Amino acid sequence: VLLTSLLAGTASAWHALIVQNKGGGHGELGFQLAKKIASEGHSCTLLQDTACKSESAPFSEYSTLPSSVTVEPHDFNLPYTPQTEYSYVWDNFSSNPDSPLTSSLLEHFKNSPPLRYNYISSAGIYSPPKDFGSDTCGPLLETFDVNPEKGQTKVENALKASKIPTFCYRPQYIYGPSQNKYVYLDYYFDRICNSLPLPIPGSGSQLASLTNAVSVASLLYCGAESHESTFEVFNCGASDLHTYNEIAELISEVVGEPAKIVNDISGKGSFPFRPNNFYVKPTKIIKELNWEELPTSFKYDLEWYYEDWKVRREGKEVDVEKDLEAMGSKA
């Protein structure tokens, strides 16, 4: 059991480094984390991959960040040597310990370790037991085996070997304001709002852990001042779980249109989640780091998400080719 010593407050403000990727499933985390750090009275440098699409969220909103956040563009194909001392690091980029950027960071912080190196890994690296995957089993646990060939596994192992004090976070299925990847919920909204069949693998009773990016940022921040352990792994997700069919039903209520669910399809089609149970819960981080989940409601989030979806997607054609293939004779 991890022994923690969480401080009620900090005696003085500190400066952190956030290493932010060019976008994707974790694309908004650097932005939300920078806001969280600033709101707690600290400052940070947001090292941003220049390969990002600067006209897209959240990168287009960096100008709204507080003055205590400095955005530093950098070509992530090149090494990076910090020119100042950082108390904490959040790495939301690395997937190859031998890449020029990651190897330079590990070498630097091996010689000049921060109080904590926080690595944002992925729950996708898990290799659950062979009997895991039915509609009723779960959740994935931090003690489960991971795929040694996954890049995030290799980075986790490199950090552990380096002896840099490290927390690894394994998030899954993120949505939220200023997000960069919309596919998880857009799949449902696109079909329900356009009165299209909604293919869902299996019985639809499989559980999903969908987490608001603001809540993820608070989770990533919560262990900043716990200094007792040199290496720990935490799942990163919401306690509030929903089945695949329940997500459809909730969205149906929000938009006022029926969800034409088609279960037990052949294959996965364009469905954004895994066809079997594959979800995480934040049990360990709640117990060991006293993380307090934000009082958010998934259904409330669906309401503002719907308004955002209308701006981005209303009236646009939905590609259903893979849906038709997956539904076969049920189409």
C-alpha atoms as a PDB file:
ATOM      1  CA  VAL A   1       0.000   0.000   0.000  1.00  0.00           C
ATOM      2  CA  LEU A   2       1.330   3.411  -0.930  1.00  0.00           C
ATOM      3  CA  LEU A   3       2.018   5.595   2.074  1.00  0.00           C
ATOM      4  CA  THR A   4       1.213   9.153   1.178  1.00  0.00           C
ATOM      5  CA  SER A   5       1.903  12.464   2.795  1.00  0.00           C
ATOM      6  CA  LEU A   6      -0.405  14.892   1.055  1.00  0.00           C
ATOM      7  CA  LEU A   7       0.134  18.462   2.052  1.00  0.00           C
ATOM      8  CA  ALA A   8      -2.880  20.620   2.759  1.00  0.00           C
ATOM      9  CA  GLY A   9      -1.203  23.482   0.954  1.00  0.00           C
ATOM     10  CA  THR A  10       2.160  24.502  -0.359  1.00  0.00           C
ATOM     11  CA  ALA A  11       4.536  26.813   1.445  1.00  0.00           C
ATOM     12  CA  SER A  12       5.568  28.472  -1.794  1.00  0.00           C
ATOM     13  CA  ALA A  13       4.592  28.470  -5.430  1.00  0.00           C
ATOM     14  CA  TRP A  14       6.413  26.127  -7.786  1.00  0.00           C
ATOM     15  CA  HIS A  15       7.073  25.938 -11.515  1.00  0.00           C
ATOM     16  CA  ALA A  16       6.198  22.925 -13.654  1.00  0.00           C
ATOM     17  CA  LEU A  17       6.850  21.656 -17.168  1.00  0.00           C
ATOM     18  CA  ILE A  18       4.028  20.210 -19.277  1.00  0.00           C
ATOM     19  CA  VAL A  19       5.110  18.328 -22.394  1.00  0.00           C
ATOM     20  CA  GLN A  20       2.113  18.387 -24.738  1.00  0.00           C
ATOM     21  CA  ASN A  21       1.649  16.239 -27.842  1.00  0.00           C
ATOM     22  CA  LYS A  22       0.309  17.427 -31.195  1.00  0.00           C
ATOM     23  CA  GLY A  23      -3.229  16.200 -30.488  1.00  0.00           C
ATOM     24  CA  GLY A  24      -5.404  13.103 -30.362  1.00  0.00           C
ATOM     25  CA  GLY A  25      -7.110  11.379 -27.455  1.00  0.00           C
ATOM     26  CA  HIS A  26      -4.994  13.241 -24.881  1.00  0.00           C
ATOM     27  CA  GLY A  27      -4.764  16.449 -26.909  1.00  0.00           C
ATOM     28  CA  GLU A  28      -6.637  18.678 -24.458  1.00  0.00           C
ATOM     29  CA  LEU A  29      -4.970  17.504 -21.253  1.00  0.00           C
ATOM     30  CA  GLY A  30      -2.037  19.928 -21.348  1.00  0.00           C
ATOM     31  CA  PHE A  31      -4.420  22.861 -21.719  1.00  0.00           C
ATOM     32  CA  GLN A  32      -6.693  21.742 -18.868  1.00  0.00           C
ATOM     33  CA  LEU A  33      -3.753  20.846 -16.632  1.00  0.00           C
ATOM     34  CA  ALA A  34      -2.103  24.242 -17.212  1.00  0.00           C
ATOM     35  CA  LYS A  35      -5.330  25.935 -16.111  1.00  0.00           C
ATOM     36  CA  LYS A  36      -5.501  23.720 -13.031  1.00  0.00           C
ATOM     37  CA  ILE A  37      -1.883  24.443 -12.041  1.00  0.00           C
ATOM     38  CA  ALA A  38      -2.438  28.189 -12.478  1.00  0.00           C
ATOM     39  CA  SER A  39      -5.658  28.079 -10.450  1.00  0.00           C
ATOM     40  CA  GLU A  40      -3.713  26.567  -7.547  1.00  0.00           C
ATOM     41  CA  GLY A  41      -1.298  29.520  -7.516  1.00  0.00           C
ATOM     42  CA  HIS A  42       1.603  27.928  -9.399  1.00  0.00           C
ATOM     43  CA  SER A  43       3.174  28.528 -12.794  1.00  0.00           C
ATOM     44  CA  CYS A  44       4.145  26.299 -15.687  1.00  0.00           C
ATOM     45  CA  THR A  45       5.791  26.120 -19.077  1.00  0.00           C
ATOM     46  CA  LEU A  46       3.624  24.385 -21.666  1.00  0.00           C
ATOM     47  CA  LEU A  47       6.045  22.828 -24.143  1.00  0.00           C
ATOM     48  CA  GLN A  48       3.952  22.388 -27.278  1.00  0.00           C
ATOM     49  CA  ASP A  49       4.740  20.207 -30.285  1.00  0.00           C
ATOM     50  CA  THR A  50       4.808  22.489 -33.324  1.00  0.00           C
ATOM     51  CA  ALA A  51       3.157  19.694 -35.360  1.00  0.00           C
ATOM     52  CA  CYS A  52      -0.184  20.508 -33.693  1.00  0.00           C
ATOM     53  CA  LYS A  53      -3.014  22.071 -35.681  1.00  0.00           C
ATOM     54  CA  SER A  54      -2.859  25.529 -34.145  1.00  0.00           C
ATOM     55  CA  GLU A  55      -6.246  26.519 -35.566  1.00  0.00           C
ATOM     56  CA  SER A  56      -7.988  23.647 -33.729  1.00  0.00           C
ATOM     57  CA  ALA A  57      -8.972  23.343 -30.070  1.00  0.00           C
ATOM     58  CA  PRO A  58      -7.412  23.378 -27.597  1.00  0.00           C
ATOM     59  CA  PHE A  59      -4.348  24.920 -29.264  1.00  0.00           C
ATOM     60  CA  SER A  60      -6.363  27.807 -30.686  1.00  0.00           C
ATOM     61  CA  GLU A  61      -7.350  28.720 -27.117  1.00  0.00           C
ATOM     62  CA  TYR A  62      -3.856  28.992 -25.641  1.00  0.00           C
ATOM     63  CA  SER A  63      -4.155  32.798 -25.731  1.00  0.00           C
ATOM     64  CA  THR A  64      -6.831  32.511 -22.998  1.00  0.00           C
ATOM     65  CA  LEU A  65      -4.437  30.854 -20.546  1.00  0.00           C
ATOM     66  CA  PRO A  66      -3.412  32.851 -17.452  1.00  0.00           C
ATOM     67  CA  SER A  67      -0.187  34.869 -17.492  1.00  0.00           C
ATOM     68  CA  SER A  68       1.425  32.314 -15.170  1.00  0.00           C
ATOM     69  CA  VAL A  69       1.424  29.857 -18.103  1.00  0.00           C
ATOM     70  CA  THR A  70       4.159  30.224 -20.709  1.00  0.00           C
ATOM     71  CA  VAL A  71       3.606  28.421 -24.006  1.00  0.00           C
ATOM     72  CA  GLU A  72       6.880  27.341 -25.624  1.00  0.00           C
ATOM     73  CA  PRO A  73       6.640  25.854 -29.144  1.00  0.00           C
ATOM     74  CA  HIS A  74       9.173  23.134 -29.928  1.00  0.00           C
ATOM     75  CA  ASP A  75       9.847  20.678 -32.741  1.00  0.00           C
ATOM     76  CA  PHE A  76       9.370  17.334 -30.983  1.00  0.00           C
ATOM     77  CA  ASN A  77      11.592  15.623 -33.555  1.00  0.00           C
ATOM     78  CA  LEU A  78      14.490  17.358 -31.799  1.00  0.00           C
ATOM     79  CA  PRO A  79      15.951  16.938 -28.298  1.00  0.00           C
ATOM     80  CA  TYR A  80      14.980  19.377 -25.581  1.00  0.00           C
ATOM     81  CA  THR A  81      17.105  20.443 -22.639  1.00  0.00           C
ATOM     82  CA  PRO A  82      15.254  22.478 -19.978  1.00  0.00           C
ATOM     83  CA  GLN A  83      16.953  25.775 -19.261  1.00  0.00           C
ATOM     84  CA  THR A  84      15.320  26.241 -15.874  1.00  0.00           C
ATOM     85  CA  GLU A  85      14.589  24.094 -12.831  1.00  0.00           C
ATOM     86  CA  TYR A  86      11.171  22.454 -12.655  1.00  0.00           C
ATOM     87  CA  SER A  87       9.610  21.117  -9.478  1.00  0.00           C
ATOM     88  CA  TYR A  88       7.214  18.883 -11.410  1.00  0.00           C
ATOM     89  CA  VAL A  89       6.921  17.472 -14.906  1.00  0.00           C
ATOM     90  CA  TRP A  90       3.824  16.222 -16.700  1.00  0.00           C
ATOM     91  CA  ASP A  91       4.706  14.268 -19.830  1.00  0.00           C
ATOM     92  CA  ASN A  92       1.727  14.055 -22.175  1.00  0.00           C
ATOM     93  CA  PHE A  93       3.758  13.079 -25.221  1.00  0.00           C
ATOM     94  CA  SER A  94       6.149  10.188 -24.845  1.00  0.00           C
ATOM     95  CA  SER A  95       5.469   6.848 -26.526  1.00  0.00           C
ATOM     96  CA  ASN A  96       9.053   5.891 -27.404  1.00  0.00           C
ATOM     97  CA  PRO A  97      11.828   6.166 -24.811  1.00  0.00           C
ATOM     98  CA  ASP A  98      14.404   6.355 -27.609  1.00  0.00           C
ATOM     99  CA  SER A  99      12.859   9.313 -29.449  1.00  0.00           C
ATOM    100  CA  PRO A 100      15.073  12.437 -29.483  1.00  0.00           C
ATOM    101  CA  LEU A 101      12.735  14.419 -27.220  1.00  0.00           C
ATOM    102  CA  THR A 102      11.955  11.695 -24.683  1.00  0.00           C
ATOM    103  CA  SER A 103      15.519  10.418 -24.380  1.00  0.00           C
ATOM    104  CA  SER A 104      16.795  13.969 -23.810  1.00  0.00           C
ATOM    105  CA  LEU A 105      14.167  14.566 -21.117  1.00  0.00           C
ATOM    106  CA  LEU A 106      14.952  11.302 -19.329  1.00  0.00           C
ATOM    107  CA  GLU A 107      18.680  12.007 -19.424  1.00  0.00           C
ATOM    108  CA  HIS A 108      18.209  15.529 -18.078  1.00  0.00           C
ATOM    109  CA  PHE A 109      15.844  14.587 -15.265  1.00  0.00           C
ATOM    110  CA  LYS A 110      17.908  11.558 -14.323  1.00  0.00           C
ATOM    111  CA  ASN A 111      20.702  13.989 -13.452  1.00  0.00           C
ATOM    112  CA  SER A 112      18.444  16.722 -12.125  1.00  0.00           C
ATOM    113  CA  PRO A 113      15.312  14.952 -10.865  1.00  0.00           C
ATOM    114  CA  PRO A 114      12.079  16.855 -10.232  1.00  0.00           C
ATOM    115  CA  LEU A 115      10.039  16.185  -7.132  1.00  0.00           C
ATOM    116  CA  ARG A 116       7.759  14.133  -9.366  1.00  0.00           C
ATOM    117  CA  TYR A 117       7.726  13.117 -13.025  1.00  0.00           C
ATOM    118  CA  ASN A 118       4.111  12.502 -13.980  1.00  0.00           C
ATOM    119  CA  TYR A 119       3.783  10.358 -17.078  1.00  0.00           C
ATOM    120  CA  ILE A 120       0.434  10.232 -18.883  1.00  0.00           C
ATOM    121  CA  SER A 121       0.415   6.708 -20.265  1.00  0.00           C
ATOM    122  CA  SER A 122      -2.646   4.795 -21.511  1.00  0.00           C
ATOM    123  CA  ALA A 123      -5.057   2.133 -20.300  1.00  0.00           C
ATOM    124  CA  GLY A 124      -4.752   0.701 -23.791  1.00  0.00           C
ATOM    125  CA  ILE A 125      -1.529  -1.054 -22.784  1.00  0.00           C
ATOM    126  CA  TYR A 126      -3.319  -3.619 -20.584  1.00  0.00           C
ATOM    127  CA  SER A 127      -3.198  -7.300 -21.514  1.00  0.00           C
ATOM    128  CA  PRO A 128      -6.021  -8.640 -19.348  1.00  0.00           C
ATOM    129  CA  PRO A 129      -6.386 -12.340 -18.447  1.00  0.00           C
ATOM    130  CA  LYS A 130      -7.733 -14.605 -21.189  1.00  0.00           C
ATOM    131  CA  ASP A 131     -11.038 -15.082 -19.380  1.00  0.00           C
ATOM    132  CA  PHE A 132     -11.467 -11.307 -19.113  1.00  0.00           C
ATOM    133  CA  GLY A 133     -13.744  -9.654 -21.627  1.00  0.00           C
ATOM    134  CA  SER A 134     -17.303 -10.840 -21.082  1.00  0.00           C
ATOM    135  CA  ASP A 135     -20.132  -8.354 -20.642  1.00  0.00           C
ATOM    136  CA  THR A 136     -19.963  -8.647 -16.850  1.00  0.00           C
ATOM    137  CA  CYS A 137     -16.280  -8.746 -15.842  1.00  0.00           C
ATOM    138  CA  GLY A 138     -14.034  -5.851 -14.931  1.00  0.00           C
ATOM    139  CA  PRO A 139     -12.588  -3.389 -14.154  1.00  0.00           C
ATOM    140  CA  LEU A 140      -8.995  -3.435 -15.390  1.00  0.00           C
ATOM    141  CA  LEU A 141      -6.605  -3.247 -12.441  1.00  0.00           C
ATOM    142  CA  GLU A 142      -3.171  -1.663 -12.122  1.00  0.00           C
ATOM    143  CA  THR A 143      -1.823  -5.125 -11.235  1.00  0.00           C
ATOM    144  CA  PHE A 144      -2.808  -6.631 -14.609  1.00  0.00           C
ATOM    145  CA  ASP A 145      -0.151  -7.484 -17.160  1.00  0.00           C
ATOM    146  CA  VAL A 146       0.600  -4.940 -19.862  1.00  0.00           C
ATOM    147  CA  ASN A 147       1.623  -5.400 -23.474  1.00  0.00           C
ATOM    148  CA  PRO A 148       5.445  -5.168 -23.545  1.00  0.00           C
ATOM    149  CA  GLU A 149       5.391  -4.057 -27.186  1.00  0.00           C
ATOM    150  CA  LYS A 150       3.334  -0.934 -26.552  1.00  0.00           C
ATOM    151  CA  GLY A 151       5.314   2.297 -26.645  1.00  0.00           C
ATOM    152  CA  GLN A 152       3.797   3.573 -23.398  1.00  0.00           C
ATOM    153  CA  THR A 153       4.865   0.356 -21.633  1.00  0.00           C
ATOM    154  CA  LYS A 154       8.426   0.939 -22.783  1.00  0.00           C
ATOM    155  CA  VAL A 155       8.350   4.526 -21.501  1.00  0.00           C
ATOM    156  CA  GLU A 156       6.957   3.387 -18.128  1.00  0.00           C
ATOM    157  CA  ASN A 157       9.750   0.799 -17.867  1.00  0.00           C
ATOM    158  CA  ALA A 158      12.397   3.356 -18.806  1.00  0.00           C
ATOM    159  CA  LEU A 159      11.146   5.748 -16.132  1.00  0.00           C
ATOM    160  CA  LYS A 160      11.139   2.995 -13.521  1.00  0.00           C
ATOM    161  CA  ALA A 161      14.698   2.002 -14.440  1.00  0.00           C
ATOM    162  CA  SER A 162      15.839   5.636 -14.327  1.00  0.00           C
ATOM    163  CA  LYS A 163      14.899   5.954 -10.623  1.00  0.00           C
ATOM    164  CA  ILE A 164      13.270   9.323 -11.388  1.00  0.00           C
ATOM    165  CA  PRO A 165      10.375   9.690  -8.887  1.00  0.00           C
ATOM    166  CA  THR A 166       7.434   8.852 -11.153  1.00  0.00           C
ATOM    167  CA  PHE A 167       3.686   8.473 -11.182  1.00  0.00           C
ATOM    168  CA  CYS A 168       2.248   6.848 -14.314  1.00  0.00           C
ATOM    169  CA  TYR A 169      -1.380   7.581 -15.126  1.00  0.00           C
ATOM    170  CA  ARG A 170      -3.390   5.334 -17.446  1.00  0.00           C
ATOM    171  CA  PRO A 171      -6.405   7.270 -18.783  1.00  0.00           C
ATOM    172  CA  GLN A 172      -9.175   6.035 -21.031  1.00  0.00           C
ATOM    173  CA  TYR A 173     -11.898   7.613 -23.207  1.00  0.00           C
ATOM    174  CA  ILE A 174     -11.644  11.346 -22.519  1.00  0.00           C
ATOM    175  CA  TYR A 175     -14.143  13.996 -23.580  1.00  0.00           C
ATOM    176  CA  GLY A 176     -14.706  17.569 -22.512  1.00  0.00           C
ATOM    177  CA  PRO A 177     -14.511  21.261 -23.325  1.00  0.00           C
ATOM    178  CA  SER A 178     -11.832  22.271 -25.843  1.00  0.00           C
ATOM    179  CA  GLN A 179     -11.277  18.641 -26.696  1.00  0.00           C
ATOM    180  CA  ASN A 180      -9.213  17.400 -29.599  1.00  0.00           C
ATOM    181  CA  LYS A 181     -10.776  14.008 -30.325  1.00  0.00           C
ATOM    182  CA  TYR A 182     -14.548  13.797 -30.663  1.00  0.00           C
ATOM    183  CA  VAL A 183     -15.126  10.295 -31.993  1.00  0.00           C
ATOM    184  CA  TYR A 184     -16.292   8.672 -28.731  1.00  0.00           C
ATOM    185  CA  LEU A 185     -19.513  10.641 -28.345  1.00  0.00           C
ATOM    186  CA  ASP A 186     -19.881  11.911 -31.906  1.00  0.00           C
ATOM    187  CA  TYR A 187     -20.466   8.311 -33.000  1.00  0.00           C
ATOM    188  CA  TYR A 188     -23.677   8.306 -30.962  1.00  0.00           C
ATOM    189  CA  PHE A 189     -24.806  11.870 -31.710  1.00  0.00           C
ATOM    190  CA  ASP A 190     -24.192  11.501 -35.457  1.00  0.00           C
ATOM    191  CA  ARG A 191     -26.511   8.517 -35.692  1.00  0.00           C
ATOM    192  CA  ILE A 192     -29.201   9.436 -33.186  1.00  0.00           C
ATOM    193  CA  CYS A 193     -29.579  13.025 -34.431  1.00  0.00           C
ATOM    194  CA  ASN A 194     -29.800  11.849 -38.047  1.00  0.00           C
ATOM    195  CA  SER A 195     -32.301   9.034 -37.321  1.00  0.00           C
ATOM    196  CA  LEU A 196     -29.757   6.413 -38.405  1.00  0.00           C
ATOM    197  CA  PRO A 197     -29.350   2.887 -37.030  1.00  0.00           C
ATOM    198  CA  LEU A 198     -26.896   2.796 -34.120  1.00  0.00           C
ATOM    199  CA  PRO A 199     -24.759  -0.383 -34.306  1.00  0.00           C
ATOM    200  CA  ILE A 200     -23.392  -1.511 -30.923  1.00  0.00           C
ATOM    201  CA  PRO A 201     -21.386  -4.749 -30.556  1.00  0.00           C
ATOM    202  CA  GLY A 202     -22.583  -7.479 -28.222  1.00  0.00           C
ATOM    203  CA  SER A 203     -25.523  -6.989 -25.890  1.00  0.00           C
ATOM    204  CA  GLY A 204     -24.692  -3.335 -25.193  1.00  0.00           C
ATOM    205  CA  SER A 205     -24.296  -4.076 -21.477  1.00  0.00           C
ATOM    206  CA  GLN A 206     -20.519  -3.592 -21.646  1.00  0.00           C
ATOM    207  CA  LEU A 207     -19.330  -0.770 -19.390  1.00  0.00           C
ATOM    208  CA  ALA A 208     -17.430   2.344 -20.459  1.00  0.00           C
ATOM    209  CA  SER A 209     -15.416   4.782 -18.360  1.00  0.00           C
ATOM    210  CA  LEU A 210     -15.909   8.196 -19.992  1.00  0.00           C
ATOM    211  CA  THR A 211     -14.169  11.021 -18.152  1.00  0.00           C
ATOM    212  CA  ASN A 212     -14.389  14.791 -18.532  1.00  0.00           C
ATOM    213  CA  ALA A 213     -10.954  16.268 -19.346  1.00  0.00           C
ATOM    214  CA  VAL A 214     -11.315  18.818 -16.520  1.00  0.00           C
ATOM    215  CA  SER A 215     -11.756  15.936 -14.076  1.00  0.00           C
ATOM    216  CA  VAL A 216      -8.761  14.144 -15.598  1.00  0.00           C
ATOM    217  CA  ALA A 217      -6.659  17.282 -15.053  1.00  0.00           C
ATOM    218  CA  SER A 218      -7.633  17.362 -11.371  1.00  0.00           C
ATOM    219  CA  LEU A 219      -6.660  13.699 -11.084  1.00  0.00           C
ATOM    220  CA  LEU A 220      -3.282  14.301 -12.726  1.00  0.00           C
ATOM    221  CA  TYR A 221      -2.675  17.197 -10.348  1.00  0.00           C
ATOM    222  CA  CYS A 222      -3.782  15.577  -7.096  1.00  0.00           C
ATOM    223  CA  GLY A 223      -0.576  13.651  -6.417  1.00  0.00           C
ATOM    224  CA  ALA A 224       1.772  16.549  -7.112  1.00  0.00           C
ATOM    225  CA  GLU A 225       2.833  16.995  -3.523  1.00  0.00           C
ATOM    226  CA  SER A 226       2.939  13.346  -2.457  1.00  0.00           C
ATOM    227  CA  HIS A 227       6.609  12.437  -2.239  1.00  0.00           C
ATOM    228  CA  GLU A 228       6.679   9.063  -0.500  1.00  0.00           C
ATOM    229  CA  SER A 229       6.957   6.707  -3.460  1.00  0.00           C
ATOM    230  CA  THR A 230       9.493   6.518  -6.264  1.00  0.00           C
ATOM    231  CA  PHE A 231       7.247   4.755  -8.788  1.00  0.00           C
ATOM    232  CA  GLU A 232       3.498   4.153  -8.861  1.00  0.00           C
ATOM    233  CA  VAL A 233       0.821   3.447 -11.465  1.00  0.00           C
ATOM    234  CA  PHE A 234      -2.743   4.786 -11.291  1.00  0.00           C
ATOM    235  CA  ASN A 235      -5.750   4.173 -13.472  1.00  0.00           C
ATOM    236  CA  CYS A 236      -7.360   7.379 -14.619  1.00  0.00           C
ATOM    237  CA  GLY A 237     -11.126   7.377 -15.111  1.00  0.00           C
ATOM    238  CA  ALA A 238     -14.491   8.210 -13.633  1.00  0.00           C
ATOM    239  CA  SER A 239     -16.296   6.150 -10.998  1.00  0.00           C
ATOM    240  CA  ASP A 240     -19.576   6.808 -12.802  1.00  0.00           C
ATOM    241  CA  LEU A 241     -19.833   4.051 -15.415  1.00  0.00           C
ATOM    242  CA  HIS A 242     -22.385   3.597 -18.187  1.00  0.00           C
ATOM    243  CA  THR A 243     -23.173   0.707 -20.487  1.00  0.00           C
ATOM    244  CA  TYR A 244     -22.901   1.227 -24.225  1.00  0.00           C
ATOM    245  CA  ASN A 245     -26.689   1.093 -24.538  1.00  0.00           C
ATOM    246  CA  GLU A 246     -27.172   3.490 -21.603  1.00  0.00           C
ATOM    247  CA  ILE A 247     -24.991   6.089 -23.332  1.00  0.00           C
ATOM    248  CA  ALA A 248     -27.323   5.891 -26.321  1.00  0.00           C
ATOM    249  CA  GLU A 249     -30.399   6.226 -24.111  1.00  0.00           C
ATOM    250  CA  LEU A 250     -29.007   9.257 -22.265  1.00  0.00           C
ATOM    251  CA  ILE A 251     -28.138  11.006 -25.520  1.00  0.00           C
ATOM    252  CA  SER A 252     -31.601  10.139 -26.857  1.00  0.00           C
ATOM    253  CA  GLU A 253     -33.142  11.951 -23.884  1.00  0.00           C
ATOM    254  CA  VAL A 254     -30.936  15.004 -24.408  1.00  0.00           C
ATOM    255  CA  VAL A 255     -31.604  15.409 -28.148  1.00  0.00           C
ATOM    256  CA  GLY A 256     -35.238  14.283 -28.094  1.00  0.00           C
ATOM    257  CA  GLU A 257     -34.767  11.643 -30.765  1.00  0.00           C
ATOM    258  CA  PRO A 258     -35.048   7.834 -30.411  1.00  0.00           C
ATOM    259  CA  ALA A 259     -31.896   5.759 -30.475  1.00  0.00           C
ATOM    260  CA  LYS A 260     -32.249   3.029 -33.092  1.00  0.00           C
ATOM    261  CA  ILE A 261     -29.905   0.590 -31.353  1.00  0.00           C
ATOM    262  CA  VAL A 262     -28.815  -2.501 -33.263  1.00  0.00           C
ATOM    263  CA  ASN A 263     -27.003  -4.932 -30.946  1.00  0.00           C
ATOM    264  CA  ASP A 264     -25.056  -8.113 -31.677  1.00  0.00           C
ATOM    265  CA  ILE A 265     -23.560  -6.821 -34.893  1.00  0.00           C
ATOM    266  CA  SER A 266     -20.925  -8.729 -36.856  1.00  0.00           C
ATOM    267  CA  GLY A 267     -17.578  -7.174 -36.022  1.00  0.00           C
ATOM    268  CA  LYS A 268     -16.928  -3.705 -34.682  1.00  0.00           C
ATOM    269  CA  GLY A 269     -17.707  -1.441 -37.614  1.00  0.00           C
ATOM    270  CA  SER A 270     -16.967   2.195 -36.713  1.00  0.00           C
ATOM    271  CA  PHE A 271     -17.873   1.718 -33.053  1.00  0.00           C
ATOM    272  CA  PRO A 272     -15.368   3.807 -31.027  1.00  0.00           C
ATOM    273  CA  PHE A 273     -15.047   1.518 -27.996  1.00  0.00           C
ATOM    274  CA  ARG A 274     -13.797  -2.026 -27.670  1.00  0.00           C
ATOM    275  CA  PRO A 275     -16.475  -4.654 -28.340  1.00  0.00           C
ATOM    276  CA  ASN A 276     -15.831  -6.288 -24.960  1.00  0.00           C
ATOM    277  CA  ASN A 277     -15.590  -4.983 -21.396  1.00  0.00           C
ATOM    278  CA  PHE A 278     -12.401  -2.939 -21.151  1.00  0.00           C
ATOM    279  CA  TYR A 279     -12.708  -0.185 -18.576  1.00  0.00           C
ATOM    280  CA  VAL A 280     -10.859   1.315 -15.615  1.00  0.00           C
ATOM    281  CA  LYS A 281     -11.936   2.768 -12.277  1.00  0.00           C
ATOM    282  CA  PRO A 282     -10.063   5.268 -10.053  1.00  0.00           C
ATOM    283  CA  THR A 283     -10.288   3.128  -6.901  1.00  0.00           C
ATOM    284  CA  LYS A 284      -6.551   3.137  -6.169  1.00  0.00           C
ATOM    285  CA  ILE A 285      -5.972   6.872  -6.629  1.00  0.00           C
ATOM    286  CA  ILE A 286      -9.017   7.738  -4.518  1.00  0.00           C
ATOM    287  CA  LYS A 287      -7.746   5.506  -1.720  1.00  0.00           C
ATOM    288  CA  GLU A 288      -4.048   6.324  -1.842  1.00  0.00           C
ATOM    289  CA  LEU A 289      -3.928   9.952  -3.014  1.00  0.00           C
ATOM    290  CA  ASN A 290      -7.327  11.079  -1.716  1.00  0.00           C
ATOM    291  CA  TRP A 291      -8.444  12.247  -5.131  1.00  0.00           C
ATOM    292  CA  GLU A 292     -11.853  13.906  -4.961  1.00  0.00           C
ATOM    293  CA  GLU A 293     -13.815  13.594  -8.180  1.00  0.00           C
ATOM    294  CA  LEU A 294     -15.335  16.776  -9.532  1.00  0.00           C
ATOM    295  CA  PRO A 295     -19.095  16.999  -9.016  1.00  0.00           C
ATOM    296  CA  THR A 296     -19.840  16.650 -12.729  1.00  0.00           C
ATOM    297  CA  SER A 297     -22.851  14.922 -14.237  1.00  0.00           C
ATOM    298  CA  PHE A 298     -22.403  12.925 -17.415  1.00  0.00           C
ATOM    299  CA  LYS A 299     -25.926  13.823 -18.505  1.00  0.00           C
ATOM    300  CA  TYR A 300     -25.256  17.540 -17.909  1.00  0.00           C
ATOM    301  CA  ASP A 301     -22.086  17.215 -19.957  1.00  0.00           C
ATOM    302  CA  LEU A 302     -24.119  15.647 -22.755  1.00  0.00           C
ATOM    303  CA  GLU A 303     -26.310  18.752 -22.848  1.00  0.00           C
ATOM    304  CA  TRP A 304     -23.469  21.181 -23.565  1.00  0.00           C
ATOM    305  CA  TYR A 305     -21.808  18.577 -25.776  1.00  0.00           C
ATOM    306  CA  TYR A 306     -24.992  18.508 -27.888  1.00  0.00           C
ATOM    307  CA  GLU A 307     -24.810  22.265 -28.384  1.00  0.00           C
ATOM    308  CA  ASP A 308     -21.183  21.932 -29.436  1.00  0.00           C
ATOM    309  CA  TRP A 309     -22.032  19.012 -31.738  1.00  0.00           C
ATOM    310  CA  LYS A 310     -24.648  21.118 -33.522  1.00  0.00           C
ATOM    311  CA  VAL A 311     -22.027  23.751 -34.343  1.00  0.00           C
ATOM    312  CA  ARG A 312     -19.525  21.193 -35.589  1.00  0.00           C
ATOM    313  CA  ARG A 313     -21.620  18.414 -37.105  1.00  0.00           C
ATOM    314  CA  GLU A 314     -25.286  19.312 -37.695  1.00  0.00           C
ATOM    315  CA  GLY A 315     -26.205  18.873 -41.349  1.00  0.00           C
ATOM    316  CA  LYS A 316     -23.017  17.053 -42.248  1.00  0.00           C
ATOM    317  CA  GLU A 317     -23.085  13.659 -43.945  1.00  0.00           C
ATOM    318  CA  VAL A 318     -22.385  10.589 -41.783  1.00  0.00           C
ATOM    319  CA  ASP A 319     -20.286   7.822 -43.309  1.00  0.00           C
ATOM    320  CA  VAL A 320     -22.231   4.616 -42.599  1.00  0.00           C
ATOM    321  CA  GLU A 321     -20.399   2.218 -44.916  1.00  0.00           C
ATOM    322  CA  LYS A 322     -18.786   0.318 -42.049  1.00  0.00           C
ATOM    323  CA  ASP A 323     -22.080   0.390 -40.125  1.00  0.00           C
ATOM    324  CA  LEU A 324     -23.853  -1.385 -42.973  1.00  0.00           C
ATOM    325  CA  GLU A 325     -21.108  -4.001 -43.211  1.00  0.00           C
ATOM    326  CA  ALA A 326     -21.246  -4.672 -39.451  1.00  0.00           C
ATOM    327  CA  MET A 327     -25.063  -4.897 -39.328  1.00  0.00           C
ATOM    328  CA  GLY A 328     -25.319  -7.183 -42.358  1.00  0.00           C
ATOM    329  CA  SER A 329     -28.855  -8.503 -42.674  1.00  0.00           C
ATOM    330  CA  LYS A 330     -29.921  -6.359 -39.684  1.00  0.00           C
ATOM    331  CA  ALA A 331     -29.365  -3.148 -41.658  1.00  0.00           C
END
